[in-house]
C-alpha atoms as a PDB file:
ATOM      1  CA  UNK A   1       0.419  -0.017  -0.119  1.00  0.00           C
ATOM      2  CA  UNK A   2       1.177   3.751  -1.229  1.00  0.00           C
ATOM      3  CA  UNK A   3       2.307   6.080   2.204  1.00  0.00           C
ATOM      4  CA  UNK A   4       0.216   9.587   0.978  1.00  0.00           C
ATOM      5  CA  UNK A   5       1.819  12.338   2.035  1.00  0.00           C
ATOM      6  CA  UNK A   6      -1.429  14.153   4.096  1.00  0.00           C
ATOM      7  CA  UNK A   7       0.904  17.652   4.615  1.00  0.00           C
ATOM      8  CA  UNK A   8       0.879  18.356   0.750  1.00  0.00           C
ATOM      9  CA  UNK A   9      -1.643  21.251   0.332  1.00  0.00           C
ATOM     10  CA  UNK A  10      -5.162  20.153  -1.476  1.00  0.00           C
ATOM     11  CA  UNK A  11      -6.184  21.604  -4.212  1.00  0.00           C
ATOM     12  CA  UNK A  12      -8.752  23.717  -2.392  1.00  0.00           C
ATOM     13  CA  UNK A  13      -5.113  25.741  -1.248  1.00  0.00           C
ATOM     14  CA  UNK A  14      -3.837  27.239  -4.533  1.00  0.00           C
ATOM     15  CA  UNK A  15      -6.966  26.159  -6.599  1.00  0.00           C
ATOM     16  CA  UNK A  16      -9.482  28.863  -6.044  1.00  0.00           C
ATOM     17  CA  UNK A  17     -11.277  25.304  -5.161  1.00  0.00           C
ATOM     18  CA  UNK A  18     -12.476  23.111  -2.093  1.00  0.00           C
ATOM     19  CA  UNK A  19     -11.551  20.038  -3.454  1.00  0.00           C
ATOM     20  CA  UNK A  20      -9.358  18.119  -1.738  1.00  0.00           C
ATOM     21  CA  UNK A  21      -9.524  14.816  -4.195  1.00  0.00           C
ATOM     22  CA  UNK A  22     -10.428  13.179  -6.534  1.00  0.00           C
ATOM     23  CA  UNK A  23     -11.772   9.569  -6.401  1.00  0.00           C
ATOM     24  CA  UNK A  24     -12.164   7.289  -9.431  1.00  0.00           C
ATOM     25  CA  UNK A  25     -13.867   4.043  -9.715  1.00  0.00           C
ATOM     26  CA  UNK A  26     -12.043   1.583 -12.158  1.00  0.00           C
ATOM     27  CA  UNK A  27     -14.372  -0.798 -13.704  1.00  0.00           C
ATOM     28  CA  UNK A  28     -16.406   1.045 -16.988  1.00  0.00           C
ATOM     29  CA  UNK A  29     -15.526   4.217 -15.715  1.00  0.00           C
ATOM     30  CA  UNK A  30     -11.176   4.149 -16.249  1.00  0.00           C
ATOM     31  CA  UNK A  31     -10.632   1.280 -18.404  1.00  0.00           C
ATOM     32  CA  UNK A  32     -13.332  -0.237 -20.637  1.00  0.00           C
ATOM     33  CA  UNK A  33     -13.136  -3.861 -18.359  1.00  0.00           C
ATOM     34  CA  UNK A  34     -17.301  -4.761 -18.651  1.00  0.00           C
ATOM     35  CA  UNK A  35     -17.304  -6.054 -22.007  1.00  0.00           C
ATOM     36  CA  UNK A  36     -14.767  -8.694 -19.970  1.00  0.00           C
ATOM     37  CA  UNK A  37     -16.663  -8.807 -17.234  1.00  0.00           C
ATOM     38  CA  UNK A  38     -19.941 -10.178 -19.084  1.00  0.00           C
ATOM     39  CA  UNK A  39     -17.860 -11.955 -21.134  1.00  0.00           C
ATOM     40  CA  UNK A  40     -16.110 -13.818 -18.599  1.00  0.00           C
ATOM     41  CA  UNK A  41     -19.362 -14.820 -16.600  1.00  0.00           C
ATOM     42  CA  UNK A  42     -21.574 -15.187 -19.453  1.00  0.00           C
ATOM     43  CA  UNK A  43     -18.971 -17.544 -20.839  1.00  0.00           C
ATOM     44  CA  UNK A  44     -18.754 -19.687 -17.898  1.00  0.00           C
ATOM     45  CA  UNK A  45     -22.445 -20.321 -17.452  1.00  0.00           C
ATOM     46  CA  UNK A  46     -22.777 -21.243 -20.760  1.00  0.00           C
ATOM     47  CA  UNK A  47     -20.428 -23.649 -20.605  1.00  0.00           C
ATOM     48  CA  UNK A  48     -22.025 -24.817 -17.129  1.00  0.00           C
ATOM     49  CA  UNK A  49     -25.424 -24.951 -18.933  1.00  0.00           C
ATOM     50  CA  UNK A  50     -26.692 -21.829 -18.033  1.00  0.00           C
ATOM     51  CA  UNK A  51     -26.933 -19.506 -21.221  1.00  0.00           C
ATOM     52  CA  UNK A  52     -27.459 -15.871 -20.481  1.00  0.00           C
ATOM     53  CA  UNK A  53     -28.994 -13.460 -22.339  1.00  0.00           C
ATOM     54  CA  UNK A  54     -27.982  -9.812 -22.758  1.00  0.00           C
ATOM     55  CA  UNK A  55     -31.728  -9.154 -20.494  1.00  0.00           C
ATOM     56  CA  UNK A  56     -29.146  -9.472 -17.509  1.00  0.00           C
ATOM     57  CA  UNK A  57     -26.435  -8.068 -18.147  1.00  0.00           C
ATOM     58  CA  UNK A  58     -26.827  -4.970 -16.878  1.00  0.00           C
ATOM     59  CA  UNK A  59     -27.610  -6.536 -14.027  1.00  0.00           C
ATOM     60  CA  UNK A  60     -24.396  -7.475 -13.346  1.00  0.00           C
ATOM     61  CA  UNK A  61     -22.745  -3.811 -13.907  1.00  0.00           C
ATOM     62  CA  UNK A  62     -20.625  -1.870 -11.208  1.00  0.00           C
ATOM     63  CA  UNK A  63     -21.605  -4.148  -7.977  1.00  0.00           C
ATOM     64  CA  UNK A  64     -19.614  -6.311  -5.914  1.00  0.00           C
ATOM     65  CA  UNK A  65     -18.394  -9.986  -6.462  1.00  0.00           C
ATOM     66  CA  UNK A  66     -21.049 -11.312  -3.664  1.00  0.00           C
ATOM     67  CA  UNK A  67     -23.448  -9.431  -5.108  1.00  0.00           C
ATOM     68  CA  UNK A  68     -22.965 -10.914  -9.156  1.00  0.00           C
ATOM     69  CA  UNK A  69     -22.772 -14.329  -7.767  1.00  0.00           C
ATOM     70  CA  UNK A  70     -26.235 -14.003  -5.845  1.00  0.00           C
ATOM     71  CA  UNK A  71     -27.572 -12.524  -8.808  1.00  0.00           C
ATOM     72  CA  UNK A  72     -26.592 -15.752 -10.761  1.00  0.00           C
ATOM     73  CA  UNK A  73     -26.685 -18.474  -8.100  1.00  0.00           C
ATOM     74  CA  UNK A  74     -31.254 -17.352  -7.928  1.00  0.00           C
ATOM     75  CA  UNK A  75     -31.325 -16.651 -11.204  1.00  0.00           C
ATOM     76  CA  UNK A  76     -29.932 -20.151 -12.656  1.00  0.00           C
ATOM     77  CA  UNK A  77     -30.772 -22.325  -9.511  1.00  0.00           C
ATOM     78  CA  UNK A  78     -27.466 -23.638  -9.885  1.00  0.00           C
ATOM     79  CA  UNK A  79     -25.408 -25.106  -7.214  1.00  0.00           C
ATOM     80  CA  UNK A  80     -21.741 -24.607  -6.953  1.00  0.00           C
ATOM     81  CA  UNK A  81     -19.670 -23.241  -4.127  1.00  0.00           C
ATOM     82  CA  UNK A  82     -19.186 -19.813  -4.350  1.00  0.00           C
ATOM     83  CA  UNK A  83     -16.102 -19.435  -3.780  1.00  0.00           C
ATOM     84  CA  UNK A  84     -15.375 -21.293  -6.191  1.00  0.00           C
ATOM     85  CA  UNK A  85     -17.299 -20.183  -8.666  1.00  0.00           C
ATOM     86  CA  UNK A  86     -15.829 -16.407  -7.519  1.00  0.00           C
ATOM     87  CA  UNK A  87     -12.356 -17.945  -8.197  1.00  0.00           C
ATOM     88  CA  UNK A  88     -13.830 -18.796 -11.586  1.00  0.00           C
ATOM     89  CA  UNK A  89     -15.398 -15.727 -12.879  1.00  0.00           C
ATOM     90  CA  UNK A  90     -12.310 -13.980 -11.560  1.00  0.00           C
ATOM     91  CA  UNK A  91      -9.782 -16.064 -13.641  1.00  0.00           C
ATOM     92  CA  UNK A  92     -11.919 -16.016 -16.913  1.00  0.00           C
ATOM     93  CA  UNK A  93     -11.854 -12.511 -16.454  1.00  0.00           C
ATOM     94  CA  UNK A  94      -8.152 -12.097 -15.703  1.00  0.00           C
ATOM     95  CA  UNK A  95      -7.174 -14.850 -18.732  1.00  0.00           C
ATOM     96  CA  UNK A  96      -9.345 -11.792 -20.796  1.00  0.00           C
ATOM     97  CA  UNK A  97      -7.179  -8.406 -18.524  1.00  0.00           C
ATOM     98  CA  UNK A  98      -3.857 -10.000 -18.833  1.00  0.00           C
ATOM     99  CA  UNK A  99      -3.197  -8.351 -21.962  1.00  0.00           C
ATOM    100  CA  UNK A 100      -4.531  -4.841 -21.411  1.00  0.00           C
ATOM    101  CA  UNK A 101      -7.555  -3.159 -21.279  1.00  0.00           C
ATOM    102  CA  UNK A 102      -8.498   0.371 -23.911  1.00  0.00           C
ATOM    103  CA  UNK A 103      -8.971   2.777 -21.839  1.00  0.00           C
ATOM    104  CA  UNK A 104     -12.806   5.118 -21.587  1.00  0.00           C
ATOM    105  CA  UNK A 105     -12.993   7.713 -24.424  1.00  0.00           C
ATOM    106  CA  UNK A 106     -11.569  10.792 -22.105  1.00  0.00           C
ATOM    107  CA  UNK A 107      -9.687   8.148 -20.083  1.00  0.00           C
ATOM    108  CA  UNK A 108      -6.414   9.607 -20.928  1.00  0.00           C
ATOM    109  CA  UNK A 109      -7.054  13.482 -20.579  1.00  0.00           C
ATOM    110  CA  UNK A 110      -8.787  12.859 -17.437  1.00  0.00           C
ATOM    111  CA  UNK A 111      -5.717  10.898 -15.714  1.00  0.00           C
ATOM    112  CA  UNK A 112      -3.125  13.826 -17.104  1.00  0.00           C
ATOM    113  CA  UNK A 113      -5.896  15.914 -15.879  1.00  0.00           C
ATOM    114  CA  UNK A 114      -4.990  14.985 -12.374  1.00  0.00           C
ATOM    115  CA  UNK A 115      -1.058  14.023 -12.536  1.00  0.00           C
ATOM    116  CA  UNK A 116      -0.138  17.675 -14.103  1.00  0.00           C
ATOM    117  CA  UNK A 117      -1.866  19.706 -11.982  1.00  0.00           C
ATOM    118  CA  UNK A 118      -1.053  17.919  -9.446  1.00  0.00           C
ATOM    119  CA  UNK A 119      -4.963  16.808  -7.453  1.00  0.00           C
ATOM    120  CA  UNK A 120      -4.942  14.190  -5.185  1.00  0.00           C
ATOM    121  CA  UNK A 121      -6.120  10.914  -6.738  1.00  0.00           C
ATOM    122  CA  UNK A 122      -6.800   7.151  -5.620  1.00  0.00           C
ATOM    123  CA  UNK A 123      -8.502   4.672  -7.441  1.00  0.00           C
ATOM    124  CA  UNK A 124     -11.820   3.092  -5.312  1.00  0.00           C
ATOM    125  CA  UNK A 125     -13.246  -0.343  -6.810  1.00  0.00           C
ATOM    126  CA  UNK A 126     -15.037  -3.203  -6.332  1.00  0.00           C
ATOM    127  CA  UNK A 127     -13.003  -5.434  -7.998  1.00  0.00           C
ATOM    128  CA  UNK A 128     -10.001  -7.145  -6.115  1.00  0.00           C
ATOM    129  CA  UNK A 129      -6.706  -6.536  -5.383  1.00  0.00           C
ATOM    130  CA  UNK A 130      -5.149  -8.723  -8.048  1.00  0.00           C
ATOM    131  CA  UNK A 131      -7.175  -7.354 -10.773  1.00  0.00           C
ATOM    132  CA  UNK A 132      -6.553  -3.485  -9.333  1.00  0.00           C
ATOM    133  CA  UNK A 133      -2.700  -4.051  -9.178  1.00  0.00           C
ATOM    134  CA  UNK A 134      -3.423  -5.650 -13.105  1.00  0.00           C
ATOM    135  CA  UNK A 135      -4.647  -2.743 -14.515  1.00  0.00           C
ATOM    136  CA  UNK A 136      -3.009  -0.165 -12.911  1.00  0.00           C
ATOM    137  CA  UNK A 137       0.325  -2.528 -13.976  1.00  0.00           C
ATOM    138  CA  UNK A 138      -0.644  -1.658 -18.010  1.00  0.00           C
ATOM    139  CA  UNK A 139      -0.868   1.631 -16.907  1.00  0.00           C
ATOM    140  CA  UNK A 140       2.292   3.013 -16.522  1.00  0.00           C
ATOM    141  CA  UNK A 141       2.204   6.213 -15.200  1.00  0.00           C
ATOM    142  CA  UNK A 142      -0.743   6.916 -13.496  1.00  0.00           C
ATOM    143  CA  UNK A 143      -1.543  10.373 -10.909  1.00  0.00           C
ATOM    144  CA  UNK A 144      -3.032   7.652  -8.527  1.00  0.00           C
ATOM    145  CA  UNK A 145      -1.759   8.005  -4.419  1.00  0.00           C
ATOM    146  CA  UNK A 146      -3.236   4.661  -3.819  1.00  0.00           C
ATOM    147  CA  UNK A 147      -6.361   2.082  -4.235  1.00  0.00           C
ATOM    148  CA  UNK A 148      -8.867   0.691  -2.497  1.00  0.00           C
ATOM    149  CA  UNK A 149     -10.227  -2.799  -3.666  1.00  0.00           C
ATOM    150  CA  UNK A 150     -13.484  -4.657  -2.819  1.00  0.00           C
ATOM    151  CA  UNK A 151     -11.827  -7.277  -0.712  1.00  0.00           C
ATOM    152  CA  UNK A 152      -9.869  -5.022   1.121  1.00  0.00           C
ATOM    153  CA  UNK A 153     -13.101  -3.472   3.174  1.00  0.00           C
ATOM    154  CA  UNK A 154     -15.831  -5.151   5.006  1.00  0.00           C
ATOM    155  CA  UNK A 155     -18.124  -3.826   3.199  1.00  0.00           C
ATOM    156  CA  UNK A 156     -18.022  -2.844  -0.510  1.00  0.00           C
ATOM    157  CA  UNK A 157     -19.788  -0.918  -2.695  1.00  0.00           C
ATOM    158  CA  UNK A 158     -23.092   0.512  -2.774  1.00  0.00           C
ATOM    159  CA  UNK A 159     -21.673   0.791   0.317  1.00  0.00           C
ATOM    160  CA  UNK A 160     -20.010   3.872   1.090  1.00  0.00           C
ATOM    161  CA  UNK A 161     -17.709   2.034   3.182  1.00  0.00           C
ATOM    162  CA  UNK A 162     -15.049   2.267   0.312  1.00  0.00           C
ATOM    163  CA  UNK A 163     -14.390   5.964  -0.692  1.00  0.00           C
ATOM    164  CA  UNK A 164     -14.919   7.501   2.994  1.00  0.00           C
ATOM    165  CA  UNK A 165     -11.778   4.878   3.285  1.00  0.00           C
ATOM    166  CA  UNK A 166     -10.050   6.930   0.461  1.00  0.00           C
ATOM    167  CA  UNK A 167     -11.103  10.309   1.280  1.00  0.00           C
ATOM    168  CA  UNK A 168      -9.405   9.311   5.433  1.00  0.00           C
ATOM    169  CA  UNK A 169      -6.343   8.344   3.846  1.00  0.00           C
ATOM    170  CA  UNK A 170      -5.841  11.606   2.246  1.00  0.00           C
ATOM    171  CA  UNK A 171      -6.942  13.203   5.410  1.00  0.00           C
ATOM    172  CA  UNK A 172     -10.236  14.672   3.105  1.00  0.00           C
ATOM    173  CA  UNK A 173     -13.438  15.930   4.290  1.00  0.00           C
ATOM    174  CA  UNK A 174     -15.829  13.266   1.682  1.00  0.00           C
ATOM    175  CA  UNK A 175     -17.685  16.183   1.257  1.00  0.00           C
ATOM    176  CA  UNK A 176     -15.142  17.714  -0.509  1.00  0.00           C
ATOM    177  CA  UNK A 177     -14.135  14.925  -2.459  1.00  0.00           C
ATOM    178  CA  UNK A 178     -15.489  14.166  -5.990  1.00  0.00           C
ATOM    179  CA  UNK A 179     -16.196  10.686  -7.056  1.00  0.00           C
ATOM    180  CA  UNK A 180     -16.088   9.821 -10.253  1.00  0.00           C
ATOM    181  CA  UNK A 181     -18.442   6.363 -11.477  1.00  0.00           C
ATOM    182  CA  UNK A 182     -19.885   4.813 -14.173  1.00  0.00           C
ATOM    183  CA  UNK A 183     -22.276   2.514 -12.919  1.00  0.00           C
ATOM    184  CA  UNK A 184     -25.914   2.854 -10.660  1.00  0.00           C
ATOM    185  CA  UNK A 185     -24.203   1.175  -7.110  1.00  0.00           C
ATOM    186  CA  UNK A 186     -20.904   2.514  -7.342  1.00  0.00           C
ATOM    187  CA  UNK A 187     -23.321   6.644  -7.862  1.00  0.00           C
ATOM    188  CA  UNK A 188     -25.205   5.095  -4.993  1.00  0.00           C
ATOM    189  CA  UNK A 189     -21.869   4.699  -2.655  1.00  0.00           C
ATOM    190  CA  UNK A 190     -20.253   8.253  -2.798  1.00  0.00           C
ATOM    191  CA  UNK A 191     -23.405  10.073  -2.501  1.00  0.00           C
ATOM    192  CA  UNK A 192     -23.621   7.825   0.825  1.00  0.00           C
ATOM    193  CA  UNK A 193     -20.470   8.565   1.517  1.00  0.00           C
ATOM    194  CA  UNK A 194     -21.512  12.548   1.261  1.00  0.00           C
ATOM    195  CA  UNK A 195     -19.070  12.803  -1.816  1.00  0.00           C
ATOM    196  CA  UNK A 196     -20.317  14.784  -4.947  1.00  0.00           C
ATOM    197  CA  UNK A 197     -20.511  12.539  -7.577  1.00  0.00           C
ATOM    198  CA  UNK A 198     -19.986  12.695 -11.571  1.00  0.00           C
ATOM    199  CA  UNK A 199     -21.989   9.817 -13.800  1.00  0.00           C
ATOM    200  CA  UNK A 200     -20.479   8.702 -16.781  1.00  0.00           C
ATOM    201  CA  UNK A 201     -23.386   5.543 -17.502  1.00  0.00           C
ATOM    202  CA  UNK A 202     -21.080   2.979 -19.578  1.00  0.00           C
ATOM    203  CA  UNK A 203     -24.043  -0.136 -19.601  1.00  0.00           C
ATOM    204  CA  UNK A 204     -26.419   0.801 -16.859  1.00  0.00           C
ATOM    205  CA  UNK A 205     -28.395   4.295 -17.347  1.00  0.00           C
ATOM    206  CA  UNK A 206     -28.419   7.039 -14.237  1.00  0.00           C
ATOM    207  CA  UNK A 207     -30.801   9.411 -13.636  1.00  0.00           C
ATOM    208  CA  UNK A 208     -29.875  13.197 -12.892  1.00  0.00           C
ATOM    209  CA  UNK A 209     -29.760  13.991  -8.850  1.00  0.00           C
ATOM    210  CA  UNK A 210     -29.108  16.153  -6.424  1.00  0.00           C
ATOM    211  CA  UNK A 211     -25.272  16.411  -5.999  1.00  0.00           C
ATOM    212  CA  UNK A 212     -25.108  14.487  -8.835  1.00  0.00           C
ATOM    213  CA  UNK A 213     -23.259  15.898 -13.047  1.00  0.00           C
ATOM    214  CA  UNK A 214     -24.506  13.149 -15.050  1.00  0.00           C
ATOM    215  CA  UNK A 215     -21.734  13.489 -18.489  1.00  0.00           C
ATOM    216  CA  UNK A 216     -22.042  11.577 -21.592  1.00  0.00           C
ATOM    217  CA  UNK A 217     -18.411  11.126 -21.800  1.00  0.00           C
ATOM    218  CA  UNK A 218     -14.929  11.929 -19.537  1.00  0.00           C
ATOM    219  CA  UNK A 219     -14.369  13.853 -22.527  1.00  0.00           C
ATOM    220  CA  UNK A 220     -16.353  16.370 -20.873  1.00  0.00           C
ATOM    221  CA  UNK A 221     -14.892  17.127 -17.351  1.00  0.00           C
ATOM    222  CA  UNK A 222     -12.272  19.952 -17.551  1.00  0.00           C
ATOM    223  CA  UNK A 223      -9.997  21.354 -14.277  1.00  0.00           C
ATOM    224  CA  UNK A 224     -12.495  24.022 -14.544  1.00  0.00           C
ATOM    225  CA  UNK A 225     -15.875  22.030 -13.974  1.00  0.00           C
ATOM    226  CA  UNK A 226     -13.655  19.477 -11.592  1.00  0.00           C
ATOM    227  CA  UNK A 227     -13.427  22.687  -9.573  1.00  0.00           C
ATOM    228  CA  UNK A 228     -16.612  24.199 -10.009  1.00  0.00           C
ATOM    229  CA  UNK A 229     -18.049  21.119  -8.465  1.00  0.00           C
ATOM    230  CA  UNK A 230     -16.670  22.049  -4.990  1.00  0.00           C
ATOM    231  CA  UNK A 231     -16.857  25.085  -3.947  1.00  0.00           C
ATOM    232  CA  UNK A 232     -14.035  27.060  -1.427  1.00  0.00           C
ATOM    233  CA  UNK A 233     -14.915  26.800   2.025  1.00  0.00           C
ATOM    234  CA  UNK A 234     -16.227  30.883   3.610  1.00  0.00           C
END
């Protein structure tokens, strides 16, 4: 785990904004892995004699593995130990991911914006540590001070715990952090943590709401807009 220097100035101290940190989701937000997850899940269940229709795909986006397994086991009636099922899904996904995952539109620009402006940033995902580390390795030079994995918190998304943990590691106030998410459950987690949320829907639609900015692409998020989301304290 990377040590964070919480004594370094936050953006609000030198950027005319109250923004202290940006907390970025991974799958479907930063990297285009949702197709990989769907292929891993659907191909495995097809092999097990339970083909999954496309209509089930939106139900599997953005949640922790426990929720995905609950849904799939209830849907199919398949009797398989949960730990074995998780290992088999993660194994297929890792094989697909090993060659690298494409960035979502505007993700490269977002990474450069965070890095070049010295904005404290963390990667916060429901994926397990081994998958996050593989994605980060393929990203190369990135601006994230640390990452929070779904298997490192007692309650992952849609609970607020991952985002609260990330904010606390920065010594930041959740209300002065911006969460960037693509899935309804991730948006729910960021809002429950008390953060400002930017939603960029990938598979499942996300309606506008209080304290929530919905964009069509990360490419729409520039420095001025990011700073405007958290006004400077008076």
